[in-house]
C-alpha atoms as a PDB file:
ATOM      1  CA  MET A   1     161.655  11.330  21.874  1.00  0.00           C
ATOM      2  CA  ARG A   2     163.856  13.438  24.003  1.00  0.00           C
ATOM      3  CA  ALA A   3     165.643  10.555  25.563  1.00  0.00           C
ATOM      4  CA  ARG A   4     166.327   9.009  22.176  1.00  0.00           C
ATOM      5  CA  ILE A   5     167.858  12.252  20.846  1.00  0.00           C
ATOM      6  CA  SER A   6     170.014  12.457  23.970  1.00  0.00           C
ATOM      7  CA  ARG A   7     171.308   8.841  23.261  1.00  0.00           C
ATOM      8  CA  ARG A   8     172.105   9.688  19.634  1.00  0.00           C
ATOM      9  CA  ARG A   9     174.053  12.610  21.102  1.00  0.00           C
ATOM     10  CA  LEU A  10     175.752  10.375  23.510  1.00  0.00           C
ATOM     11  CA  LEU A  11     176.707   7.715  20.915  1.00  0.00           C
ATOM     12  CA  THR A  12     178.300  10.342  18.654  1.00  0.00           C
ATOM     13  CA  CYS A  13     180.409  11.496  21.566  1.00  0.00           C
ATOM     14  CA  ALA A  14     181.470   8.034  22.337  1.00  0.00           C
ATOM     15  CA  ALA A  15     182.423   7.317  18.649  1.00  0.00           C
ATOM     16  CA  GLY A  16     184.580  10.402  18.691  1.00  0.00           C
ATOM     17  CA  GLY A  17     185.981   9.905  22.192  1.00  0.00           C
ATOM     18  CA  VAL A  18     184.054  10.908  25.175  1.00  0.00           C
ATOM     19  CA  SER A  19     187.386  11.940  26.844  1.00  0.00           C
ATOM     20  CA  GLY A  20     186.266  12.423  22.245  1.00  0.00           C
ATOM     21  CA  LEU A  21     171.503  32.682  15.265  1.00  0.00           C
ATOM     22  CA  VAL A  22     173.704  35.637  15.059  1.00  0.00           C
ATOM     23  CA  SER A  23     176.403  36.729  12.548  1.00  0.00           C
ATOM     24  CA  SER A  24     180.005  36.725  13.321  1.00  0.00           C
ATOM     25  CA  ARG A  25     181.957  39.938  13.611  1.00  0.00           C
ATOM     26  CA  ILE A  26     185.319  38.981  11.826  1.00  0.00           C
ATOM     27  CA  VAL A  27     188.130  41.281  12.960  1.00  0.00           C
ATOM     28  CA  LEU A  28     190.846  39.486  10.908  1.00  0.00           C
ATOM     29  CA  ALA A  29     190.328  37.630   7.615  1.00  0.00           C
ATOM     30  CA  GLN A  30     191.279  33.970   7.283  1.00  0.00           C
ATOM     31  CA  SER A  31     190.867  33.244  11.074  1.00  0.00           C
ATOM     32  CA  VAL A  32     190.501  29.608  10.722  1.00  0.00           C
ATOM     33  CA  THR A  33     192.374  26.803   8.984  1.00  0.00           C
ATOM     34  CA  LYS A  34     190.944  24.582   6.248  1.00  0.00           C
ATOM     35  CA  ASP A  35     189.087  22.284   8.750  1.00  0.00           C
ATOM     36  CA  GLU A  36     187.675  25.493  10.455  1.00  0.00           C
ATOM     37  CA  THR A  37     188.210  24.373  13.956  1.00  0.00           C
ATOM     38  CA  PHE A  38     191.836  25.477  14.460  1.00  0.00           C
ATOM     39  CA  VAL A  39     191.795  29.245  15.180  1.00  0.00           C
ATOM     40  CA  THR A  40     195.022  30.892  13.726  1.00  0.00           C
ATOM     41  CA  ALA A  41     194.434  34.537  14.353  1.00  0.00           C
ATOM     42  CA  PRO A  42     192.433  36.535  16.914  1.00  0.00           C
ATOM     43  CA  VAL A  43     188.736  37.108  16.140  1.00  0.00           C
ATOM     44  CA  SER A  44     185.747  38.649  17.858  1.00  0.00           C
ATOM     45  CA  ILE A  45     182.778  36.379  17.626  1.00  0.00           C
ATOM     46  CA  ASP A  46     179.117  36.370  18.674  1.00  0.00           C
ATOM     47  CA  VAL A  47     177.783  33.540  20.829  1.00  0.00           C
ATOM     48  CA  ASN A  48     174.105  32.815  20.880  1.00  0.00           C
ATOM     49  CA  ALA A  49     172.659  31.571  24.297  1.00  0.00           C
ATOM     50  CA  ARG A  50     169.438  29.667  24.847  1.00  0.00           C
ATOM     51  CA  PRO A  51     168.268  29.391  28.409  1.00  0.00           C
ATOM     52  CA  ILE A  52     167.896  25.984  30.151  1.00  0.00           C
ATOM     53  CA  ALA A  53     164.654  26.191  31.866  1.00  0.00           C
ATOM     54  CA  SER A  54     165.391  23.281  34.373  1.00  0.00           C
ATOM     55  CA  PHE A  55     168.201  20.880  35.040  1.00  0.00           C
ATOM     56  CA  ASP A  56     165.700  18.153  35.337  1.00  0.00           C
ATOM     57  CA  PRO A  57     163.458  18.520  32.396  1.00  0.00           C
ATOM     58  CA  ARG A  58     160.879  15.982  33.876  1.00  0.00           C
ATOM     59  CA  ASP A  59     160.392  18.143  36.913  1.00  0.00           C
ATOM     60  CA  ARG A  60     160.982  21.895  37.104  1.00  0.00           C
ATOM     61  CA  SER A  61     160.395  21.858  40.793  1.00  0.00           C
ATOM     62  CA  HIS A  62     163.374  19.651  41.286  1.00  0.00           C
ATOM     63  CA  MET A  63     166.192  22.082  42.319  1.00  0.00           C
ATOM     64  CA  ARG A  64     168.371  20.178  44.708  1.00  0.00           C
ATOM     65  CA  PHE A  65     170.911  17.721  43.246  1.00  0.00           C
ATOM     66  CA  GLY A  66     173.122  16.166  46.042  1.00  0.00           C
ATOM     67  CA  SER A  67     174.934  19.164  47.569  1.00  0.00           C
ATOM     68  CA  LEU A  68     174.195  21.375  44.551  1.00  0.00           C
ATOM     69  CA  GLN A  69     171.228  23.726  44.050  1.00  0.00           C
ATOM     70  CA  TRP A  70     170.300  24.581  40.510  1.00  0.00           C
ATOM     71  CA  ARG A  71     170.740  28.334  39.520  1.00  0.00           C
ATOM     72  CA  SER A  72     170.679  28.578  35.677  1.00  0.00           C
ATOM     73  CA  GLY A  73     172.110  27.154  32.467  1.00  0.00           C
ATOM     74  CA  LEU A  74     172.716  28.009  28.844  1.00  0.00           C
ATOM     75  CA  VAL A  75     173.083  26.162  25.562  1.00  0.00           C
ATOM     76  CA  LEU A  76     175.736  28.053  23.642  1.00  0.00           C
ATOM     77  CA  THR A  77     176.092  28.140  19.833  1.00  0.00           C
ATOM     78  CA  SER A  78     178.084  30.351  17.453  1.00  0.00           C
ATOM     79  CA  PRO A  79     178.136  30.775  13.626  1.00  0.00           C
ATOM     80  CA  PHE A  80     181.800  30.873  14.033  1.00  0.00           C
ATOM     81  CA  PRO A  81     183.085  27.408  13.055  1.00  0.00           C
ATOM     82  CA  GLY A  82     186.076  27.388  15.433  1.00  0.00           C
ATOM     83  CA  PHE A  83     183.613  27.734  18.500  1.00  0.00           C
ATOM     84  CA  GLY A  84     183.423  24.551  20.624  1.00  0.00           C
ATOM     85  CA  GLY A  85     185.430  21.787  22.146  1.00  0.00           C
ATOM     86  CA  LEU A  86     185.547  23.694  25.447  1.00  0.00           C
ATOM     87  CA  SER A  87     187.622  21.628  27.854  1.00  0.00           C
ATOM     88  CA  GLY A  88     188.483  24.146  30.690  1.00  0.00           C
ATOM     89  CA  LEU A  89     187.278  27.443  32.160  1.00  0.00           C
ATOM     90  CA  ARG A  90     188.358  29.849  34.783  1.00  0.00           C
ATOM     91  CA  LEU A  91     186.382  32.796  36.102  1.00  0.00           C
ATOM     92  CA  ASP A  92     187.319  36.121  37.744  1.00  0.00           C
ATOM     93  CA  PRO A  93     186.374  36.450  41.416  1.00  0.00           C
ATOM     94  CA  LYS A  94     182.897  37.847  40.429  1.00  0.00           C
ATOM     95  CA  GLY A  95     182.103  35.016  38.190  1.00  0.00           C
ATOM     96  CA  GLU A  96     181.864  37.408  35.132  1.00  0.00           C
ATOM     97  CA  LYS A  97     185.047  37.490  33.073  1.00  0.00           C
ATOM     98  CA  PHE A  98     186.333  34.122  31.821  1.00  0.00           C
ATOM     99  CA  ILE A  99     189.133  32.407  30.230  1.00  0.00           C
ATOM    100  CA  ALA A 100     188.266  29.155  28.411  1.00  0.00           C
ATOM    101  CA  LEU A 101     190.251  26.897  26.115  1.00  0.00           C
ATOM    102  CA  SER A 102     189.332  24.544  23.369  1.00  0.00           C
ATOM    103  CA  ASP A 103     190.869  21.108  22.832  1.00  0.00           C
ATOM    104  CA  LYS A 104     191.974  22.522  19.384  1.00  0.00           C
ATOM    105  CA  GLY A 105     194.596  24.779  20.947  1.00  0.00           C
ATOM    106  CA  SER A 106     192.405  27.895  21.169  1.00  0.00           C
ATOM    107  CA  TRP A 107     191.651  30.538  23.725  1.00  0.00           C
ATOM    108  CA  PHE A 108     188.082  31.846  24.327  1.00  0.00           C
ATOM    109  CA  THR A 109     187.743  34.981  26.490  1.00  0.00           C
ATOM    110  CA  GLY A 110     184.722  37.170  27.388  1.00  0.00           C
ATOM    111  CA  ARG A 111     182.276  37.681  30.075  1.00  0.00           C
ATOM    112  CA  ILE A 112     179.184  36.032  31.374  1.00  0.00           C
ATOM    113  CA  VAL A 113     175.962  38.347  31.284  1.00  0.00           C
ATOM    114  CA  TYR A 114     173.474  37.887  34.260  1.00  0.00           C
ATOM    115  CA  SER A 115     169.952  39.013  35.191  1.00  0.00           C
ATOM    116  CA  GLY A 116     169.877  38.666  38.802  1.00  0.00           C
ATOM    117  CA  HIS A 117     171.578  35.365  39.667  1.00  0.00           C
ATOM    118  CA  GLU A 118     170.724  33.767  36.250  1.00  0.00           C
ATOM    119  CA  MET A 119     173.101  33.685  33.318  1.00  0.00           C
ATOM    120  CA  THR A 120     171.562  35.118  30.173  1.00  0.00           C
ATOM    121  CA  GLY A 121     174.367  35.161  27.544  1.00  0.00           C
ATOM    122  CA  LEU A 122     177.978  35.843  26.712  1.00  0.00           C
ATOM    123  CA  ALA A 123     179.476  39.168  25.610  1.00  0.00           C
ATOM    124  CA  ASP A 124     182.776  40.459  24.280  1.00  0.00           C
ATOM    125  CA  VAL A 125     183.787  36.965  23.188  1.00  0.00           C
ATOM    126  CA  GLU A 126     187.141  36.504  21.474  1.00  0.00           C
ATOM    127  CA  ALA A 127     188.778  33.540  20.029  1.00  0.00           C
ATOM    128  CA  ALA A 128     192.571  33.385  19.698  1.00  0.00           C
ATOM    129  CA  PRO A 129     195.272  30.788  18.996  1.00  0.00           C
ATOM    130  CA  MET A 130     197.550  29.577  21.727  1.00  0.00           C
ATOM    131  CA  ILE A 131     201.042  30.637  20.731  1.00  0.00           C
ATOM    132  CA  GLY A 132     203.978  28.486  21.342  1.00  0.00           C
ATOM    133  CA  PRO A 133     207.664  29.357  22.574  1.00  0.00           C
ATOM    134  CA  ASP A 134     208.345  30.009  18.771  1.00  0.00           C
ATOM    135  CA  GLY A 135     205.721  32.610  18.369  1.00  0.00           C
ATOM    136  CA  LYS A 136     203.570  30.340  16.148  1.00  0.00           C
ATOM    137  CA  PRO A 137     200.161  28.571  17.034  1.00  0.00           C
ATOM    138  CA  ILE A 138     200.975  25.433  19.102  1.00  0.00           C
ATOM    139  CA  THR A 139     198.724  23.471  16.480  1.00  0.00           C
ATOM    140  CA  ALA A 140     201.523  24.102  13.832  1.00  0.00           C
ATOM    141  CA  ARG A 141     203.751  21.653  15.627  1.00  0.00           C
ATOM    142  CA  GLY A 142     200.899  19.240  16.318  1.00  0.00           C
ATOM    143  CA  TRP A 143     200.299  20.334  19.844  1.00  0.00           C
ATOM    144  CA  PHE A 144     196.595  20.466  20.577  1.00  0.00           C
ATOM    145  CA  ASP A 145     194.278  18.472  22.867  1.00  0.00           C
ATOM    146  CA  SER A 146     194.584  21.423  25.364  1.00  0.00           C
ATOM    147  CA  GLU A 147     192.479  19.996  28.063  1.00  0.00           C
ATOM    148  CA  SER A 148     193.201  21.550  31.466  1.00  0.00           C
ATOM    149  CA  LEU A 149     193.655  25.082  32.910  1.00  0.00           C
ATOM    150  CA  ALA A 150     195.030  26.691  35.922  1.00  0.00           C
ATOM    151  CA  LEU A 151     195.665  30.263  37.062  1.00  0.00           C
ATOM    152  CA  ASP A 152     198.307  31.837  39.283  1.00  0.00           C
ATOM    153  CA  GLY A 153     197.758  35.548  39.102  1.00  0.00           C
ATOM    154  CA  SER A 154     198.701  36.541  35.666  1.00  0.00           C
ATOM    155  CA  LEU A 155     200.297  33.131  34.920  1.00  0.00           C
ATOM    156  CA  VAL A 156     198.053  30.669  33.053  1.00  0.00           C
ATOM    157  CA  TYR A 157     199.006  26.976  32.929  1.00  0.00           C
ATOM    158  CA  VAL A 158     197.684  24.709  30.187  1.00  0.00           C
ATOM    159  CA  GLY A 159     197.877  20.844  30.004  1.00  0.00           C
ATOM    160  CA  LEU A 160     198.426  19.327  26.634  1.00  0.00           C
ATOM    161  CA  GLU A 161     197.076  15.798  26.864  1.00  0.00           C
ATOM    162  CA  ARG A 162     198.409  14.058  23.830  1.00  0.00           C
ATOM    163  CA  VAL A 163     201.918  15.231  24.353  1.00  0.00           C
ATOM    164  CA  ASN A 164     201.731  15.106  28.056  1.00  0.00           C
ATOM    165  CA  GLN A 165     203.262  18.419  28.866  1.00  0.00           C
ATOM    166  CA  VAL A 166     202.316  21.651  30.383  1.00  0.00           C
ATOM    167  CA  LEU A 167     202.810  25.292  29.064  1.00  0.00           C
ATOM    168  CA  ARG A 168     202.800  28.416  31.134  1.00  0.00           C
ATOM    169  CA  PHE A 169     201.589  31.763  29.689  1.00  0.00           C
ATOM    170  CA  ASP A 170     202.204  35.169  31.257  1.00  0.00           C
ATOM    171  CA  PHE A 171     198.895  36.999  30.437  1.00  0.00           C
ATOM    172  CA  SER A 172     200.653  40.277  31.625  1.00  0.00           C
ATOM    173  CA  ARG A 173     202.658  40.115  28.401  1.00  0.00           C
ATOM    174  CA  GLY A 174     199.969  40.493  25.868  1.00  0.00           C
ATOM    175  CA  PHE A 175     196.950  38.624  27.377  1.00  0.00           C
ATOM    176  CA  THR A 176     196.094  35.708  24.919  1.00  0.00           C
ATOM    177  CA  ARG A 177     198.900  36.889  22.673  1.00  0.00           C
ATOM    178  CA  ALA A 178     201.510  35.752  25.118  1.00  0.00           C
ATOM    179  CA  ARG A 179     203.891  32.905  24.211  1.00  0.00           C
ATOM    180  CA  GLY A 180     203.804  29.740  26.130  1.00  0.00           C
ATOM    181  CA  GLU A 181     206.806  28.197  27.775  1.00  0.00           C
ATOM    182  CA  ILE A 182     207.196  24.659  28.645  1.00  0.00           C
ATOM    183  CA  VAL A 183     206.990  23.850  32.211  1.00  0.00           C
ATOM    184  CA  PRO A 184     209.297  20.973  33.410  1.00  0.00           C
ATOM    185  CA  MET A 185     207.307  18.044  34.620  1.00  0.00           C
ATOM    186  CA  PRO A 186     208.270  14.829  36.424  1.00  0.00           C
ATOM    187  CA  PRO A 187     209.431  12.145  33.941  1.00  0.00           C
ATOM    188  CA  ALA A 188     206.390   9.935  34.844  1.00  0.00           C
ATOM    189  CA  VAL A 189     204.121  12.445  33.073  1.00  0.00           C
ATOM    190  CA  LYS A 190     205.420  11.454  29.683  1.00  0.00           C
ATOM    191  CA  LYS A 191     204.488   7.896  30.371  1.00  0.00           C
ATOM    192  CA  LEU A 192     200.856   8.692  30.640  1.00  0.00           C
ATOM    193  CA  PRO A 193     198.624   6.993  28.030  1.00  0.00           C
ATOM    194  CA  TYR A 194     197.938   8.706  24.787  1.00  0.00           C
ATOM    195  CA  ASN A 195     194.671  10.670  24.892  1.00  0.00           C
ATOM    196  CA  LYS A 196     194.173   9.819  28.686  1.00  0.00           C
ATOM    197  CA  GLY A 197     196.899  12.170  29.953  1.00  0.00           C
ATOM    198  CA  LEU A 198     196.706  15.296  31.963  1.00  0.00           C
ATOM    199  CA  GLU A 199     193.049  16.316  32.289  1.00  0.00           C
ATOM    200  CA  ALA A 200     192.982  18.647  35.414  1.00  0.00           C
ATOM    201  CA  LEU A 201     195.364  21.371  36.569  1.00  0.00           C
ATOM    202  CA  VAL A 202     194.879  23.420  39.877  1.00  0.00           C
ATOM    203  CA  PHE A 203     197.352  25.910  41.240  1.00  0.00           C
ATOM    204  CA  VAL A 204     197.291  26.237  45.119  1.00  0.00           C
ATOM    205  CA  PRO A 205     197.523  29.849  46.177  1.00  0.00           C
ATOM    206  CA  LYS A 206     199.198  31.407  49.229  1.00  0.00           C
ATOM    207  CA  GLY A 207     197.573  30.799  52.629  1.00  0.00           C
ATOM    208  CA  MET A 208     196.652  27.224  51.780  1.00  0.00           C
ATOM    209  CA  PRO A 209     198.293  23.794  52.442  1.00  0.00           C
ATOM    210  CA  LEU A 210     200.685  23.073  49.544  1.00  0.00           C
ATOM    211  CA  ALA A 211     200.688  26.740  48.467  1.00  0.00           C
ATOM    212  CA  GLY A 212     202.710  27.268  45.317  1.00  0.00           C
ATOM    213  CA  THR A 213     202.060  23.707  44.163  1.00  0.00           C
ATOM    214  CA  LEU A 214     200.528  22.856  40.597  1.00  0.00           C
ATOM    215  CA  ILE A 215     198.356  19.824  41.038  1.00  0.00           C
ATOM    216  CA  ALA A 216     198.138  17.683  37.818  1.00  0.00           C
ATOM    217  CA  ILE A 217     195.663  14.942  37.488  1.00  0.00           C
ATOM    218  CA  SER A 218     195.395  12.381  34.614  1.00  0.00           C
ATOM    219  CA  GLU A 219     192.192  11.378  32.971  1.00  0.00           C
ATOM    220  CA  ARG A 220     192.870   7.614  33.105  1.00  0.00           C
ATOM    221  CA  GLY A 221     196.613   7.154  33.683  1.00  0.00           C
ATOM    222  CA  LEU A 222     196.391   4.222  36.139  1.00  0.00           C
ATOM    223  CA  ASP A 223     198.919   2.929  38.688  1.00  0.00           C
ATOM    224  CA  ALA A 224     199.491  -0.659  39.475  1.00  0.00           C
ATOM    225  CA  GLN A 225     196.329  -0.665  41.845  1.00  0.00           C
ATOM    226  CA  GLY A 226     194.189   0.820  39.111  1.00  0.00           C
ATOM    227  CA  ASN A 227     194.055   4.230  40.642  1.00  0.00           C
ATOM    228  CA  LEU A 228     194.388   7.560  38.692  1.00  0.00           C
ATOM    229  CA  ILE A 229     197.933   8.941  38.668  1.00  0.00           C
ATOM    230  CA  ALA A 230     198.414  12.491  39.780  1.00  0.00           C
ATOM    231  CA  PHE A 231     201.369  14.772  40.511  1.00  0.00           C
ATOM    232  CA  LEU A 232     202.219  17.774  42.843  1.00  0.00           C
ATOM    233  CA  VAL A 233     204.660  19.989  40.921  1.00  0.00           C
ATOM    234  CA  GLY A 234     206.623  22.559  42.712  1.00  0.00           C
ATOM    235  CA  GLY A 235     205.599  23.715  46.083  1.00  0.00           C
ATOM    236  CA  PRO A 236     206.718  22.390  49.562  1.00  0.00           C
ATOM    237  CA  SER A 237     206.385  18.561  48.803  1.00  0.00           C
ATOM    238  CA  PRO A 238     206.509  17.642  45.207  1.00  0.00           C
ATOM    239  CA  GLY A 239     205.988  14.089  44.172  1.00  0.00           C
ATOM    240  CA  GLN A 240     203.373  11.609  42.737  1.00  0.00           C
ATOM    241  CA  PHE A 241     200.114  10.544  44.422  1.00  0.00           C
ATOM    242  CA  ALA A 242     196.907   8.874  43.299  1.00  0.00           C
ATOM    243  CA  VAL A 243     193.117   9.566  43.238  1.00  0.00           C
ATOM    244  CA  ARG A 244     191.164   6.409  44.006  1.00  0.00           C
ATOM    245  CA  ARG A 245     189.250   5.253  41.028  1.00  0.00           C
ATOM    246  CA  THR A 246     185.800   4.063  41.592  1.00  0.00           C
ATOM    247  CA  SER A 247     182.772   3.033  39.470  1.00  0.00           C
ATOM    248  CA  ASN A 248     184.785   3.466  36.403  1.00  0.00           C
ATOM    249  CA  PHE A 249     184.791   7.249  36.614  1.00  0.00           C
ATOM    250  CA  ASP A 250     187.553   9.213  34.805  1.00  0.00           C
ATOM    251  CA  ILE A 251     188.746  12.645  35.701  1.00  0.00           C
ATOM    252  CA  SER A 252     187.606  15.644  33.541  1.00  0.00           C
ATOM    253  CA  ASP A 253     188.624  18.685  35.798  1.00  0.00           C
ATOM    254  CA  ALA A 254     189.055  20.008  39.264  1.00  0.00           C
ATOM    255  CA  VAL A 255     188.717  23.192  41.273  1.00  0.00           C
ATOM    256  CA  LEU A 256     190.005  24.334  44.643  1.00  0.00           C
ATOM    257  CA  LEU A 257     187.487  25.949  46.920  1.00  0.00           C
ATOM    258  CA  PRO A 258     188.399  28.778  49.513  1.00  0.00           C
ATOM    259  CA  SER A 259     187.550  26.258  52.236  1.00  0.00           C
ATOM    260  CA  GLY A 260     190.672  24.191  51.231  1.00  0.00           C
ATOM    261  CA  ASP A 261     188.787  21.340  49.587  1.00  0.00           C
ATOM    262  CA  LEU A 262     189.418  19.993  46.003  1.00  0.00           C
ATOM    263  CA  LEU A 263     186.372  19.242  43.830  1.00  0.00           C
ATOM    264  CA  VAL A 264     186.987  16.763  41.178  1.00  0.00           C
ATOM    265  CA  LEU A 265     184.700  16.548  38.230  1.00  0.00           C
ATOM    266  CA  GLU A 266     184.450  13.077  36.836  1.00  0.00           C
ATOM    267  CA  ARG A 267     182.456  11.298  33.874  1.00  0.00           C
ATOM    268  CA  LYS A 268     182.004   7.785  32.869  1.00  0.00           C
ATOM    269  CA  PHE A 269     180.344   6.205  29.723  1.00  0.00           C
ATOM    270  CA  SER A 270     178.933   2.813  28.877  1.00  0.00           C
ATOM    271  CA  TRP A 271     176.681   1.632  26.013  1.00  0.00           C
ATOM    272  CA  LEU A 272     174.080   0.453  28.256  1.00  0.00           C
ATOM    273  CA  ALA A 273     173.910   3.118  31.089  1.00  0.00           C
ATOM    274  CA  GLY A 274     175.090   6.023  28.948  1.00  0.00           C
ATOM    275  CA  ILE A 275     177.081   9.007  30.281  1.00  0.00           C
ATOM    276  CA  GLY A 276     177.415   9.735  34.026  1.00  0.00           C
ATOM    277  CA  ILE A 277     178.699  12.855  35.721  1.00  0.00           C
ATOM    278  CA  ARG A 278     180.027  12.957  39.355  1.00  0.00           C
ATOM    279  CA  ILE A 279     181.924  15.491  41.513  1.00  0.00           C
ATOM    280  CA  ARG A 280     183.918  14.258  44.485  1.00  0.00           C
ATOM    281  CA  ARG A 281     185.051  16.464  47.387  1.00  0.00           C
ATOM    282  CA  ILE A 282     188.771  15.766  48.525  1.00  0.00           C
ATOM    283  CA  ALA A 283     190.571  17.559  51.391  1.00  0.00           C
ATOM    284  CA  LEU A 284     193.480  19.253  50.058  1.00  0.00           C
ATOM    285  CA  LYS A 285     195.510  18.492  53.245  1.00  0.00           C
ATOM    286  CA  SER A 286     195.239  14.896  52.259  1.00  0.00           C
ATOM    287  CA  LEU A 287     197.343  15.261  49.044  1.00  0.00           C
ATOM    288  CA  ALA A 288     201.045  13.970  49.672  1.00  0.00           C
ATOM    289  CA  PRO A 289     203.588  12.227  47.803  1.00  0.00           C
ATOM    290  CA  GLY A 290     202.672   8.477  47.835  1.00  0.00           C
ATOM    291  CA  ALA A 291     199.099   9.059  49.154  1.00  0.00           C
ATOM    292  CA  VAL A 292     195.973   7.600  47.672  1.00  0.00           C
ATOM    293  CA  VAL A 293     193.193  10.228  48.164  1.00  0.00           C
ATOM    294  CA  ASP A 294     189.355   9.819  48.157  1.00  0.00           C
ATOM    295  CA  GLY A 295     186.355  11.692  49.045  1.00  0.00           C
ATOM    296  CA  PRO A 296     182.539  11.549  49.111  1.00  0.00           C
ATOM    297  CA  SER A 297     180.479  12.220  45.995  1.00  0.00           C
ATOM    298  CA  ILE A 298     178.488  15.593  46.355  1.00  0.00           C
ATOM    299  CA  PHE A 299     176.773  15.399  42.900  1.00  0.00           C
ATOM    300  CA  GLU A 300     175.778  12.913  40.306  1.00  0.00           C
ATOM    301  CA  ALA A 301     173.847  13.211  37.095  1.00  0.00           C
ATOM    302  CA  ASP A 302     173.098  11.332  33.897  1.00  0.00           C
ATOM    303  CA  LEU A 303     171.068  11.719  30.735  1.00  0.00           C
ATOM    304  CA  GLY A 304     167.993  12.152  32.634  1.00  0.00           C
ATOM    305  CA  GLN A 305     169.282  15.637  33.488  1.00  0.00           C
ATOM    306  CA  GLU A 306     170.631  18.422  31.157  1.00  0.00           C
ATOM    307  CA  VAL A 307     174.200  17.178  30.848  1.00  0.00           C
ATOM    308  CA  ASP A 308     176.623  16.412  27.999  1.00  0.00           C
ATOM    309  CA  ASN A 309     180.357  15.854  27.922  1.00  0.00           C
ATOM    310  CA  MET A 310     180.993  17.899  30.896  1.00  0.00           C
ATOM    311  CA  GLU A 311     184.817  18.821  30.966  1.00  0.00           C
ATOM    312  CA  GLY A 312     185.358  21.961  32.832  1.00  0.00           C
ATOM    313  CA  ILE A 313     184.542  23.251  36.399  1.00  0.00           C
ATOM    314  CA  ASP A 314     185.256  26.370  38.362  1.00  0.00           C
ATOM    315  CA  ALA A 315     183.999  28.174  41.444  1.00  0.00           C
ATOM    316  CA  HIS A 316     183.517  31.661  42.663  1.00  0.00           C
ATOM    317  CA  VAL A 317     181.795  33.402  45.707  1.00  0.00           C
ATOM    318  CA  THR A 318     179.118  35.923  45.213  1.00  0.00           C
ATOM    319  CA  ALA A 319     178.598  39.174  47.055  1.00  0.00           C
ATOM    320  CA  ASP A 320     175.855  37.308  49.006  1.00  0.00           C
ATOM    321  CA  GLY A 321     178.463  34.668  50.160  1.00  0.00           C
ATOM    322  CA  ASP A 322     177.118  31.892  47.894  1.00  0.00           C
ATOM    323  CA  THR A 323     179.674  29.518  46.473  1.00  0.00           C
ATOM    324  CA  VAL A 324     178.763  28.988  42.797  1.00  0.00           C
ATOM    325  CA  LEU A 325     180.023  26.114  40.642  1.00  0.00           C
ATOM    326  CA  THR A 326     180.131  26.735  36.895  1.00  0.00           C
ATOM    327  CA  MET A 327     180.482  23.822  34.556  1.00  0.00           C
ATOM    328  CA  VAL A 328     181.037  23.598  30.700  1.00  0.00           C
ATOM    329  CA  SER A 329     180.746  20.927  28.274  1.00  0.00           C
ATOM    330  CA  ASP A 330     182.842  19.762  25.263  1.00  0.00           C
ATOM    331  CA  ASP A 331     180.698  19.277  22.162  1.00  0.00           C
ATOM    332  CA  ASN A 332     183.611  17.664  20.304  1.00  0.00           C
ATOM    333  CA  PHE A 333     182.488  19.884  17.248  1.00  0.00           C
ATOM    334  CA  SER A 334     179.702  17.470  16.781  1.00  0.00           C
ATOM    335  CA  LEU A 335     176.237  18.540  15.523  1.00  0.00           C
ATOM    336  CA  LEU A 336     174.525  16.050  18.003  1.00  0.00           C
ATOM    337  CA  GLN A 337     176.358  17.434  20.936  1.00  0.00           C
ATOM    338  CA  ARG A 338     176.039  20.642  22.748  1.00  0.00           C
ATOM    339  CA  THR A 339     178.007  23.267  24.582  1.00  0.00           C
ATOM    340  CA  LEU A 340     176.332  23.724  27.999  1.00  0.00           C
ATOM    341  CA  LEU A 341     177.088  26.324  30.574  1.00  0.00           C
ATOM    342  CA  LEU A 342     175.605  25.227  33.995  1.00  0.00           C
ATOM    343  CA  GLN A 343     175.686  27.019  37.308  1.00  0.00           C
ATOM    344  CA  PHE A 344     174.836  25.672  40.778  1.00  0.00           C
ATOM    345  CA  THR A 345     174.980  26.897  44.303  1.00  0.00           C
ATOM    346  CA  LEU A 346     177.133  24.528  46.592  1.00  0.00           C
ATOM    347  CA  VAL A 347     175.161  23.900  49.619  1.00  0.00           C
ATOM    348  CA  GLU A 348     177.593  23.251  52.535  1.00  0.00           C
END
């Protein structure tokens, strides 16, 4: 029965586009629009968290999955109708405070609560609309499908997939109330396919190869050889490159490790095989204009494990020196899908 329910959840995800309880403490009235998924004013919300006992429900003793070791997971729900559609996540260095975005043009901020190394819930969660250059929610001009997220100190970059452009917010000027400014992007970004555009953003910090570069990768914008189109924006060597596409996987997010490797989160869907999740490890130093980059798979999962439409990934290093990967899923605001928050230890 469990597999049948999971497949129903999957089929709903496909129909809407794979790439588509506690009371709410409402701070401001009329916080959502008529369809109740577009947040139009800041609001504090409660989020309920149910622990996931095991990533492999068939065998709780199964803890190692490729290069990842299971730590903990949560199924997140909220009575607030605008909660969901989470497409990107960034954590502070301790892995506690977070910034997430919804594909409906909303911010979600708060902190992860732990007991030991296991996540137990979320606290201090607030939803807020993304504000555009004109001071209005970006959804007012039809800008949504906010799918990708990158941080450079107080600067926050957001990729808008359907209009294929990037906004930059300075969180030192009002946190989530800051206005986004349009970031100049290469002309080829505008040519990416509708609903398959910019899906992953990573900013390269000082001290690493390509420092000062914004890496932007498309979900399924393909070059003439069938590889995934990507861009190096700014930095020492701007230009276009490609990520080799294999086994029909599409890009859903990426994160840069302190080691200088880029982890690329990918997913695929077929009516026969269902949904698949993969993480590839790519050397940052291999990225260059004109390059076609590739790397080994370090993690794969499917409907036999506790996965859904996994769209966001981030990494932090614990006080014990463990590199922890956190993944989040986009439920597409579907009753048959779930918002999952999963954590693994990266085993080098």
